[in-house]
PDB file of N, CA and C in Angstrom:
ATOM      1  N   MET A   1       1.147  -1.257   0.073  1.00  0.00           N
ATOM      2  CA  MET A   1      -0.568  -0.284   0.124  1.00  0.00           C
ATOM      3  C   MET A   1       0.982   1.266  -0.016  1.00  0.00           C
ATOM      4  N   LYS A   2       0.484   2.142  -1.279  1.00  0.00           N
ATOM      5  CA  LYS A   2       1.248   3.672  -0.904  1.00  0.00           C
ATOM      6  C   LYS A   2       0.256   4.071  -0.925  1.00  0.00           C
ATOM      7  N   LEU A   3       1.566   5.425   0.371  1.00  0.00           N
ATOM      8  CA  LEU A   3       0.692   6.386   0.802  1.00  0.00           C
ATOM      9  C   LEU A   3       0.072   7.070  -0.519  1.00  0.00           C
ATOM     10  N   SER A   4      -0.889   8.343  -0.945  1.00  0.00           N
ATOM     11  CA  SER A   4      -1.273   9.366  -2.183  1.00  0.00           C
ATOM     12  C   SER A   4      -0.252  10.224  -1.859  1.00  0.00           C
ATOM     13  N   ALA A   5      -0.040  10.573  -0.911  1.00  0.00           N
ATOM     14  CA  ALA A   5       0.588  12.074  -1.337  1.00  0.00           C
ATOM     15  C   ALA A   5       2.239  12.906  -0.872  1.00  0.00           C
ATOM     16  N   TRP A   6       3.222  10.967  -0.450  1.00  0.00           N
ATOM     17  CA  TRP A   6       4.087  11.924  -1.584  1.00  0.00           C
ATOM     18  C   TRP A   6       4.984  10.277  -2.176  1.00  0.00           C
ATOM     19  N   GLY A   7       3.857   9.185  -2.465  1.00  0.00           N
ATOM     20  CA  GLY A   7       4.039   8.688  -2.779  1.00  0.00           C
ATOM     21  C   GLY A   7       4.763   7.658  -2.740  1.00  0.00           C
ATOM     22  N   LEU A   8       5.470   7.712  -0.552  1.00  0.00           N
ATOM     23  CA  LEU A   8       6.212   6.440   0.053  1.00  0.00           C
ATOM     24  C   LEU A   8       5.197   5.420   0.643  1.00  0.00           C
ATOM     25  N   TYR A   9       6.080   4.229   0.192  1.00  0.00           N
ATOM     26  CA  TYR A   9       4.840   3.001   1.219  1.00  0.00           C
ATOM     27  C   TYR A   9       5.712   4.475   2.634  1.00  0.00           C
ATOM     28  N   PRO A  10       4.669   2.853   3.790  1.00  0.00           N
ATOM     29  CA  PRO A  10       4.895   3.372   4.852  1.00  0.00           C
ATOM     30  C   PRO A  10       5.729   2.875   5.921  1.00  0.00           C
ATOM     31  N   ALA A  11       6.599   1.980   5.468  1.00  0.00           N
ATOM     32  CA  ALA A  11       8.280   1.604   6.214  1.00  0.00           C
ATOM     33  C   ALA A  11       8.716   2.765   5.988  1.00  0.00           C
ATOM     34  N   ALA A  12       9.166   3.195   4.783  1.00  0.00           N
ATOM     35  CA  ALA A  12       9.609   4.147   3.953  1.00  0.00           C
ATOM     36  C   ALA A  12       9.890   5.932   5.134  1.00  0.00           C
ATOM     37  N   LEU A  13       7.822   5.890   4.935  1.00  0.00           N
ATOM     38  CA  LEU A  13       7.782   6.792   5.393  1.00  0.00           C
ATOM     39  C   LEU A  13       8.419   7.440   6.845  1.00  0.00           C
ATOM     40  N   LEU A  14       8.127   5.806   7.707  1.00  0.00           N
ATOM     41  CA  LEU A  14       8.685   5.103   9.178  1.00  0.00           C
ATOM     42  C   LEU A  14      10.604   6.140   9.139  1.00  0.00           C
ATOM     43  N   SER A  15      10.509   5.493   8.768  1.00  0.00           N
ATOM     44  CA  SER A  15      12.181   5.065   8.599  1.00  0.00           C
ATOM     45  C   SER A  15      12.604   6.791   8.318  1.00  0.00           C
ATOM     46  N   LEU A  16      12.716   7.094   7.570  1.00  0.00           N
ATOM     47  CA  LEU A  16      13.019   9.357   7.500  1.00  0.00           C
ATOM     48  C   LEU A  16      12.234   9.311   8.743  1.00  0.00           C
ATOM     49  N   LEU A  17      10.899   9.556   9.440  1.00  0.00           N
ATOM     50  CA  LEU A  17      10.581   9.802  10.399  1.00  0.00           C
ATOM     51  C   LEU A  17      11.708   9.494  11.468  1.00  0.00           C
ATOM     52  N   VAL A  18      12.331   8.630  11.850  1.00  0.00           N
ATOM     53  CA  VAL A  18      12.635   7.845  13.025  1.00  0.00           C
ATOM     54  C   VAL A  18      14.213   8.677  12.730  1.00  0.00           C
ATOM     55  N   GLY A  19      14.805   8.734  11.228  1.00  0.00           N
ATOM     56  CA  GLY A  19      16.054   9.553  11.010  1.00  0.00           C
ATOM     57  C   GLY A  19      15.876  10.660  11.402  1.00  0.00           C
ATOM     58  N   LEU A  20      15.186  11.442  11.456  1.00  0.00           N
ATOM     59  CA  LEU A  20      15.243  12.487  11.314  1.00  0.00           C
ATOM     60  C   LEU A  20      15.792  12.975  12.307  1.00  0.00           C
ATOM     61  N   VAL A  21      14.615  12.182  13.474  1.00  0.00           N
ATOM     62  CA  VAL A  21      13.903  12.562  15.030  1.00  0.00           C
ATOM     63  C   VAL A  21      15.619  12.649  14.797  1.00  0.00           C
ATOM     64  N   GLY A  22      16.506  11.293  14.928  1.00  0.00           N
ATOM     65  CA  GLY A  22      17.041  10.896  15.714  1.00  0.00           C
ATOM     66  C   GLY A  22      18.286  11.846  16.144  1.00  0.00           C
ATOM     67  N   THR A  23      18.276  12.678  14.742  1.00  0.00           N
ATOM     68  CA  THR A  23      18.816  13.447  13.652  1.00  0.00           C
ATOM     69  C   THR A  23      19.608  14.865  14.718  1.00  0.00           C
ATOM     70  N   SER A  24      18.554  14.967  14.851  1.00  0.00           N
ATOM     71  CA  SER A  24      17.595  16.657  15.518  1.00  0.00           C
ATOM     72  C   SER A  24      18.002  16.250  16.564  1.00  0.00           C
ATOM     73  N   CYS A  25      17.579  15.369  17.648  1.00  0.00           N
ATOM     74  CA  CYS A  25      17.747  14.997  18.793  1.00  0.00           C
ATOM     75  C   CYS A  25      20.051  15.293  18.759  1.00  0.00           C
ATOM     76  N   GLY A  26      20.095  14.841  18.056  1.00  0.00           N
ATOM     77  CA  GLY A  26      22.213  13.891  18.197  1.00  0.00           C
ATOM     78  C   GLY A  26      22.862  15.837  18.459  1.00  0.00           C
ATOM     79  N   ALA A  27      22.606  16.703  18.146  1.00  0.00           N
ATOM     80  CA  ALA A  27      22.695  18.368  18.215  1.00  0.00           C
ATOM     81  C   ALA A  27      22.448  18.716  20.141  1.00  0.00           C
ATOM     82  N   ASN A  28      21.574  18.452  20.126  1.00  0.00           N
ATOM     83  CA  ASN A  28      20.372  18.757  21.275  1.00  0.00           C
ATOM     84  C   ASN A  28      21.908  17.640  22.474  1.00  0.00           C
ATOM     85  N   ILE A  29      21.797  16.600  22.284  1.00  0.00           N
ATOM     86  CA  ILE A  29      22.788  15.691  22.599  1.00  0.00           C
ATOM     87  C   ILE A  29      24.043  16.077  23.261  1.00  0.00           C
ATOM     88  N   GLN A  30      24.830  16.606  21.996  1.00  0.00           N
ATOM     89  CA  GLN A  30      26.009  16.927  22.001  1.00  0.00           C
ATOM     90  C   GLN A  30      26.257  19.013  22.505  1.00  0.00           C
ATOM     91  N   ALA A  31      25.890  19.390  22.265  1.00  0.00           N
ATOM     92  CA  ALA A  31      25.575  20.259  23.242  1.00  0.00           C
ATOM     93  C   ALA A  31      25.393  20.269  25.064  1.00  0.00           C
ATOM     94  N   VAL A  32      24.342  19.475  25.438  1.00  0.00           N
ATOM     95  CA  VAL A  32      24.781  18.706  26.514  1.00  0.00           C
ATOM     96  C   VAL A  32      25.544  18.112  26.829  1.00  0.00           C
ATOM     97  N   TYR A  33      26.889  17.453  26.452  1.00  0.00           N
ATOM     98  CA  TYR A  33      28.213  16.912  26.402  1.00  0.00           C
ATOM     99  C   TYR A  33      29.607  18.374  26.971  1.00  0.00           C
ATOM    100  N   GLU A  34      29.226  18.940  25.664  1.00  0.00           N
ATOM    101  CA  GLU A  34      29.847  19.181  25.947  1.00  0.00           C
ATOM    102  C   GLU A  34      29.814  21.094  27.025  1.00  0.00           C
ATOM    103  N   GLY A  35      28.686  21.134  27.709  1.00  0.00           N
ATOM    104  CA  GLY A  35      28.750  22.202  28.285  1.00  0.00           C
ATOM    105  C   GLY A  35      28.705  20.876  30.600  1.00  0.00           C
ATOM    106  N   ASP A  36      28.400  20.252  29.850  1.00  0.00           N
ATOM    107  CA  ASP A  36      29.309  18.848  30.600  1.00  0.00           C
ATOM    108  C   ASP A  36      30.400  18.975  31.158  1.00  0.00           C
ATOM    109  N   VAL A  37      30.828  18.903  29.670  1.00  0.00           N
ATOM    110  CA  VAL A  37      32.607  19.086  29.788  1.00  0.00           C
ATOM    111  C   VAL A  37      34.075  19.779  29.650  1.00  0.00           C
ATOM    112  N   ARG A  38      32.836  20.399  29.612  1.00  0.00           N
ATOM    113  CA  ARG A  38      33.269  22.180  29.859  1.00  0.00           C
ATOM    114  C   ARG A  38      33.156  22.904  31.029  1.00  0.00           C
ATOM    115  N   PHE A  39      31.960  22.150  32.415  1.00  0.00           N
ATOM    116  CA  PHE A  39      31.823  22.256  33.072  1.00  0.00           C
ATOM    117  C   PHE A  39      32.650  21.776  34.371  1.00  0.00           C
ATOM    118  N   GLU A  40      32.937  20.396  34.062  1.00  0.00           N
ATOM    119  CA  GLU A  40      34.298  19.575  34.784  1.00  0.00           C
ATOM    120  C   GLU A  40      34.922  20.586  34.952  1.00  0.00           C
ATOM    121  N   HIS A  41      35.358  21.202  33.442  1.00  0.00           N
ATOM    122  CA  HIS A  41      37.342  21.487  32.811  1.00  0.00           C
ATOM    123  C   HIS A  41      36.983  22.876  34.392  1.00  0.00           C
ATOM    124  N   CYS A  42      36.506  23.785  34.461  1.00  0.00           N
ATOM    125  CA  CYS A  42      36.202  24.459  35.498  1.00  0.00           C
ATOM    126  C   CYS A  42      36.729  23.976  36.561  1.00  0.00           C
ATOM    127  N   MET A  43      35.357  23.266  36.679  1.00  0.00           N
ATOM    128  CA  MET A  43      35.458  23.008  38.502  1.00  0.00           C
ATOM    129  C   MET A  43      37.524  22.764  38.820  1.00  0.00           C
ATOM    130  N   ALA A  44      37.764  21.859  37.848  1.00  0.00           N
ATOM    131  CA  ALA A  44      38.904  21.169  38.503  1.00  0.00           C
ATOM    132  C   ALA A  44      40.085  22.203  37.977  1.00  0.00           C
ATOM    133  N   PHE A  45      39.714  23.930  36.921  1.00  0.00           N
ATOM    134  CA  PHE A  45      40.370  24.381  37.339  1.00  0.00           C
ATOM    135  C   PHE A  45      40.507  25.454  38.681  1.00  0.00           C
ATOM    136  N   ASP A  46      39.338  25.271  39.172  1.00  0.00           N
ATOM    137  CA  ASP A  46      39.701  25.669  40.551  1.00  0.00           C
ATOM    138  C   ASP A  46      39.705  25.017  41.439  1.00  0.00           C
ATOM    139  N   LEU A  47      40.613  23.212  41.525  1.00  0.00           N
ATOM    140  CA  LEU A  47      40.990  22.890  42.188  1.00  0.00           C
ATOM    141  C   LEU A  47      42.575  22.611  42.106  1.00  0.00           C
ATOM    142  N   ARG A  48      42.693  23.150  41.026  1.00  0.00           N
ATOM    143  CA  ARG A  48      44.570  23.069  40.645  1.00  0.00           C
ATOM    144  C   ARG A  48      45.159  25.042  42.080  1.00  0.00           C
ATOM    145  N   SER A  49      46.093  24.659  42.083  1.00  0.00           N
ATOM    146  CA  SER A  49      45.849  26.284  43.020  1.00  0.00           C
ATOM    147  C   SER A  49      47.318  26.413  41.926  1.00  0.00           C
ATOM    148  N   GLU A  50      47.967  26.100  41.235  1.00  0.00           N
ATOM    149  CA  GLU A  50      48.655  26.674  40.596  1.00  0.00           C
ATOM    150  C   GLU A  50      47.173  27.333  38.526  1.00  0.00           C
ATOM    151  N   VAL A  51      46.362  27.416  38.446  1.00  0.00           N
ATOM    152  CA  VAL A  51      45.859  27.659  38.676  1.00  0.00           C
ATOM    153  C   VAL A  51      45.419  29.594  38.513  1.00  0.00           C
ATOM    154  N   SER A  52      45.929  30.418  37.856  1.00  0.00           N
ATOM    155  CA  SER A  52      45.235  31.401  37.769  1.00  0.00           C
ATOM    156  C   SER A  52      44.182  32.329  38.718  1.00  0.00           C
ATOM    157  N   ALA A  53      43.917  33.083  39.020  1.00  0.00           N
ATOM    158  CA  ALA A  53      42.603  33.446  39.216  1.00  0.00           C
ATOM    159  C   ALA A  53      41.558  34.401  38.197  1.00  0.00           C
ATOM    160  N   PRO A  54      41.524  34.549  37.277  1.00  0.00           N
ATOM    161  CA  PRO A  54      41.945  35.573  36.023  1.00  0.00           C
ATOM    162  C   PRO A  54      41.021  34.351  34.897  1.00  0.00           C
ATOM    163  N   ALA A  55      42.065  32.796  35.079  1.00  0.00           N
ATOM    164  CA  ALA A  55      42.476  32.496  33.633  1.00  0.00           C
ATOM    165  C   ALA A  55      40.439  31.227  33.970  1.00  0.00           C
ATOM    166  N   ARG A  56      40.924  31.610  35.392  1.00  0.00           N
ATOM    167  CA  ARG A  56      39.636  30.782  36.002  1.00  0.00           C
ATOM    168  C   ARG A  56      37.691  31.622  36.182  1.00  0.00           C
ATOM    169  N   LEU A  57      38.215  32.379  36.473  1.00  0.00           N
ATOM    170  CA  LEU A  57      37.439  33.333  36.254  1.00  0.00           C
ATOM    171  C   LEU A  57      36.714  33.162  34.290  1.00  0.00           C
ATOM    172  N   GLU A  58      37.584  33.512  33.655  1.00  0.00           N
ATOM    173  CA  GLU A  58      37.184  32.793  32.165  1.00  0.00           C
ATOM    174  C   GLU A  58      36.379  32.193  31.998  1.00  0.00           C
ATOM    175  N   CYS A  59      37.174  30.833  31.881  1.00  0.00           N
ATOM    176  CA  CYS A  59      36.583  29.384  32.206  1.00  0.00           C
ATOM    177  C   CYS A  59      35.686  29.619  32.735  1.00  0.00           C
ATOM    178  N   TRP A  60      35.028  30.228  33.249  1.00  0.00           N
ATOM    179  CA  TRP A  60      33.220  30.528  34.151  1.00  0.00           C
ATOM    180  C   TRP A  60      32.288  31.547  33.640  1.00  0.00           C
ATOM    181  N   ARG A  61      33.255  32.486  32.841  1.00  0.00           N
ATOM    182  CA  ARG A  61      32.552  33.422  31.874  1.00  0.00           C
ATOM    183  C   ARG A  61      31.960  32.481  31.090  1.00  0.00           C
ATOM    184  N   GLY A  62      33.339  31.482  29.823  1.00  0.00           N
ATOM    185  CA  GLY A  62      32.814  31.201  28.375  1.00  0.00           C
ATOM    186  C   GLY A  62      31.828  30.381  29.188  1.00  0.00           C
ATOM    187  N   TRP A  63      32.187  29.264  30.235  1.00  0.00           N
ATOM    188  CA  TRP A  63      30.548  28.723  30.448  1.00  0.00           C
ATOM    189  C   TRP A  63      29.888  29.135  30.562  1.00  0.00           C
ATOM    190  N   LEU A  64      29.727  30.113  30.906  1.00  0.00           N
ATOM    191  CA  LEU A  64      28.039  30.658  31.789  1.00  0.00           C
ATOM    192  C   LEU A  64      27.980  31.301  29.639  1.00  0.00           C
ATOM    193  N   ALA A  65      28.706  31.663  29.060  1.00  0.00           N
ATOM    194  CA  ALA A  65      28.218  32.167  28.571  1.00  0.00           C
ATOM    195  C   ALA A  65      28.263  30.973  26.038  1.00  0.00           C
ATOM    196  N   HIS A  66      28.552  30.470  26.883  1.00  0.00           N
ATOM    197  CA  HIS A  66      28.034  29.237  25.580  1.00  0.00           C
ATOM    198  C   HIS A  66      27.890  27.995  26.046  1.00  0.00           C
ATOM    199  N   HIS A  67      27.556  28.127  27.201  1.00  0.00           N
ATOM    200  CA  HIS A  67      27.237  25.925  27.808  1.00  0.00           C
ATOM    201  C   HIS A  67      26.504  25.564  28.568  1.00  0.00           C
ATOM    202  N   THR A  68      25.508  26.854  28.608  1.00  0.00           N
ATOM    203  CA  THR A  68      24.743  26.524  29.543  1.00  0.00           C
ATOM    204  C   THR A  68      23.162  25.792  29.013  1.00  0.00           C
ATOM    205  N   TYR A  69      22.977  25.528  27.608  1.00  0.00           N
ATOM    206  CA  TYR A  69      22.179  24.799  27.116  1.00  0.00           C
ATOM    207  C   TYR A  69      22.079  23.564  28.321  1.00  0.00           C
ATOM    208  N   GLY A  70      20.461  22.888  28.827  1.00  0.00           N
ATOM    209  CA  GLY A  70      20.070  21.732  29.260  1.00  0.00           C
ATOM    210  C   GLY A  70      20.736  21.031  30.141  1.00  0.00           C
ATOM    211  N   GLN A  71      21.706  22.750  31.203  1.00  0.00           N
ATOM    212  CA  GLN A  71      22.767  22.117  32.257  1.00  0.00           C
ATOM    213  C   GLN A  71      21.235  22.449  33.407  1.00  0.00           C
ATOM    214  N   THR A  72      21.674  22.755  34.632  1.00  0.00           N
ATOM    215  CA  THR A  72      20.567  22.477  35.025  1.00  0.00           C
ATOM    216  C   THR A  72      21.029  23.593  36.247  1.00  0.00           C
ATOM    217  N   ARG A  73      19.867  24.126  37.174  1.00  0.00           N
ATOM    218  CA  ARG A  73      19.796  25.142  37.723  1.00  0.00           C
ATOM    219  C   ARG A  73      20.511  25.459  38.313  1.00  0.00           C
ATOM    220  N   ASP A  74      21.414  24.085  39.443  1.00  0.00           N
ATOM    221  CA  ASP A  74      22.614  24.279  40.490  1.00  0.00           C
ATOM    222  C   ASP A  74      24.104  24.401  39.965  1.00  0.00           C
ATOM    223  N   ARG A  75      24.092  23.988  38.832  1.00  0.00           N
ATOM    224  CA  ARG A  75      25.404  24.028  38.316  1.00  0.00           C
ATOM    225  C   ARG A  75      25.070  25.996  38.103  1.00  0.00           C
ATOM    226  N   LEU A  76      23.836  25.983  36.462  1.00  0.00           N
ATOM    227  CA  LEU A  76      23.438  27.614  36.279  1.00  0.00           C
ATOM    228  C   LEU A  76      24.688  28.335  38.027  1.00  0.00           C
ATOM    229  N   LEU A  77      23.839  28.003  38.898  1.00  0.00           N
ATOM    230  CA  LEU A  77      23.807  28.702  40.295  1.00  0.00           C
ATOM    231  C   LEU A  77      25.769  29.126  40.900  1.00  0.00           C
ATOM    232  N   HIS A  78      26.375  27.232  40.673  1.00  0.00           N
ATOM    233  CA  HIS A  78      27.150  27.673  40.954  1.00  0.00           C
ATOM    234  C   HIS A  78      28.132  28.764  39.921  1.00  0.00           C
ATOM    235  N   ALA A  79      28.318  28.400  38.721  1.00  0.00           N
ATOM    236  CA  ALA A  79      28.687  28.758  38.393  1.00  0.00           C
ATOM    237  C   ALA A  79      29.381  30.952  37.905  1.00  0.00           C
ATOM    238  N   THR A  80      28.110  30.884  38.349  1.00  0.00           N
ATOM    239  CA  THR A  80      26.845  32.246  39.351  1.00  0.00           C
ATOM    240  C   THR A  80      28.069  33.070  39.712  1.00  0.00           C
ATOM    241  N   LYS A  81      28.125  32.261  40.937  1.00  0.00           N
ATOM    242  CA  LYS A  81      28.998  31.948  42.138  1.00  0.00           C
ATOM    243  C   LYS A  81      30.243  32.812  41.911  1.00  0.00           C
ATOM    244  N   ARG A  82      31.072  31.181  41.292  1.00  0.00           N
ATOM    245  CA  ARG A  82      31.593  31.749  41.142  1.00  0.00           C
ATOM    246  C   ARG A  82      32.782  32.676  40.236  1.00  0.00           C
ATOM    247  N   VAL A  83      32.383  33.149  39.440  1.00  0.00           N
ATOM    248  CA  VAL A  83      32.291  34.529  38.744  1.00  0.00           C
ATOM    249  C   VAL A  83      32.213  35.730  39.831  1.00  0.00           C
ATOM    250  N   ALA A  84      31.054  35.555  40.306  1.00  0.00           N
ATOM    251  CA  ALA A  84      31.314  36.627  40.687  1.00  0.00           C
ATOM    252  C   ALA A  84      32.368  37.232  42.579  1.00  0.00           C
ATOM    253  N   ALA A  85      32.308  35.462  42.807  1.00  0.00           N
ATOM    254  CA  ALA A  85      33.608  35.402  43.787  1.00  0.00           C
ATOM    255  C   ALA A  85      34.704  36.158  43.580  1.00  0.00           C
ATOM    256  N   LEU A  86      35.477  35.155  41.905  1.00  0.00           N
ATOM    257  CA  LEU A  86      36.431  35.591  41.650  1.00  0.00           C
ATOM    258  C   LEU A  86      37.028  37.105  40.601  1.00  0.00           C
ATOM    259  N   GLU A  87      35.624  37.649  40.679  1.00  0.00           N
ATOM    260  CA  GLU A  87      35.198  38.846  40.595  1.00  0.00           C
ATOM    261  C   GLU A  87      35.994  40.343  41.769  1.00  0.00           C
ATOM    262  N   ARG A  88      35.913  39.603  42.602  1.00  0.00           N
ATOM    263  CA  ARG A  88      36.753  39.966  43.701  1.00  0.00           C
ATOM    264  C   ARG A  88      37.525  40.411  44.696  1.00  0.00           C
ATOM    265  N   GLN A  89      37.399  39.413  43.466  1.00  0.00           N
ATOM    266  CA  GLN A  89      39.438  39.008  44.097  1.00  0.00           C
ATOM    267  C   GLN A  89      39.921  39.512  43.605  1.00  0.00           C
TER     268      GLN A  89
END
């Protein structure tokens, strides 16, 4: 049985839709992953005494500016507090 609108078989149409949904979610998953990795990178900077305060500040500012998509509120709050604390130093 063919679909009259596009002339595609139902299985082919289903495969196409699954492929599109899977592809569209891939970018979102990648963005969240990159945000997670960058957050952990900034956390590691905070734990290393040899990393300067300006470098830590830039790390957290960069994370807030570019990597917050899909992140939890506690991470956003932590990053905001770290920026404020590092700006006071």
